[in-house]
């Protein structure tokens, strides 16, 4: 039976503990990375939605403007028809 010196045993315990700390550190970093990646995807989707909303509002404003112009033209046409 081989007897290890206390310093060897302490070194092995320290190395095993260090490995566990490193493993936990990597897990934490991966979790943070996944969270940041998810947040980035959410922000991109929000930007896309806002961009689409902006386009829709421009279209609605343009449609209202054209309807207003059409109504004015119809009124003028009716005025001319009455004269």
Protein backbone atom coordinates (compact mmCIF):
# COMPACT_ATOMS: atom_id res chain seq x y z
CA UNK A 1 0.00 0.00 0.00
CA UNK A 2 1.37 3.36 -0.99
CA UNK A 3 1.05 6.20 1.46
CA UNK A 4 0.69 9.68 -0.02
CA UNK A 5 2.19 12.65 1.62
CA UNK A 6 -0.26 15.25 2.97
CA UNK A 7 0.93 17.84 0.45
CA UNK A 8 -0.02 15.55 -2.46
CA UNK A 9 -3.46 14.98 -0.96
CA UNK A 10 -3.99 18.73 -0.44
CA UNK A 11 -2.87 19.38 -4.02
CA UNK A 12 -5.40 16.86 -5.34
CA UNK A 13 -8.21 18.39 -3.27
CA UNK A 14 -7.25 21.87 -4.46
CA UNK A 15 -7.11 20.72 -8.09
CA UNK A 16 -10.51 19.03 -7.86
CA UNK A 17 -11.98 22.11 -6.18
CA UNK A 18 -10.42 24.33 -8.82
CA UNK A 19 -11.94 22.18 -11.55
CA UNK A 20 -15.39 22.53 -9.96
CA UNK A 21 -14.98 26.31 -9.72
CA UNK A 22 -13.91 26.45 -13.35
CA UNK A 23 -16.87 24.31 -14.38
CA UNK A 24 -19.27 26.56 -12.44
CA UNK A 25 -17.63 29.63 -13.98
CA UNK A 26 -18.10 28.26 -17.50
CA UNK A 27 -21.74 27.35 -16.76
CA UNK A 28 -22.38 30.87 -15.47
CA UNK A 29 -20.72 32.43 -18.52
CA UNK A 30 -22.80 30.24 -20.87
CA UNK A 31 -25.98 31.17 -18.99
CA UNK A 32 -25.09 34.87 -19.30
CA UNK A 33 -24.32 34.41 -23.00
CA UNK A 34 -27.65 32.69 -23.63
CA UNK A 35 -29.48 35.42 -21.73
CA UNK A 36 -27.73 38.16 -23.70
CA UNK A 37 -28.43 36.33 -26.95
CA UNK A 38 -32.11 36.00 -26.07
CA UNK A 39 -32.32 39.69 -25.14
CA UNK A 40 -30.68 40.61 -28.45
CA UNK A 41 -33.22 38.54 -30.37
CA UNK A 42 -36.06 40.21 -28.47
CA UNK A 43 -34.68 43.67 -29.27
CA UNK A 44 -34.36 42.79 -32.95
CA UNK A 45 -37.96 41.59 -33.04
CA UNK A 46 -39.13 44.76 -31.28
CA UNK A 47 -37.23 46.88 -33.82
CA UNK A 48 -38.79 44.94 -36.70
CA UNK A 49 -42.27 45.37 -35.21
CA UNK A 50 -41.73 49.10 -34.67
CA UNK A 51 -40.45 49.45 -38.22
CA UNK A 52 -43.55 47.69 -39.54
CA UNK A 53 -45.76 49.84 -37.32
CA UNK A 54 -44.08 52.94 -38.72
CA UNK A 55 -44.71 51.76 -42.25
CA UNK A 56 -48.34 51.02 -41.43
CA UNK A 57 -48.81 54.49 -39.92
CA UNK A 58 -47.27 56.11 -43.01
CA UNK A 59 -49.60 54.10 -45.21
CA UNK A 60 -52.62 55.05 -43.09
CA UNK A 61 -51.64 58.73 -43.14
CA UNK A 62 -51.17 58.62 -46.89
CA UNK A 63 -54.52 56.87 -47.29
CA UNK A 64 -56.26 59.54 -45.17
CA UNK A 65 -54.62 62.28 -47.20
CA UNK A 66 -55.72 60.72 -50.47
CA UNK A 67 -59.27 60.23 -49.16
CA UNK A 68 -59.36 63.88 -48.13
CA UNK A 69 -58.17 64.96 -51.58
CA UNK A 70 -60.74 62.71 -53.24
CA UNK A 71 -63.50 64.17 -51.09
CA UNK A 72 -62.44 67.72 -52.04
CA UNK A 73 -62.39 66.77 -55.72
CA UNK A 74 -65.87 65.27 -55.42
CA UNK A 75 -67.12 68.44 -53.74
CA UNK A 76 -65.63 70.60 -56.51
CA UNK A 77 -67.15 68.35 -59.14
CA UNK A 78 -70.56 68.68 -57.49
CA UNK A 79 -70.13 72.47 -57.31
CA UNK A 80 -69.27 72.62 -61.01
CA UNK A 81 -72.21 70.37 -61.88
CA UNK A 82 -74.59 72.69 -59.99
CA UNK A 83 -73.40 75.78 -61.87
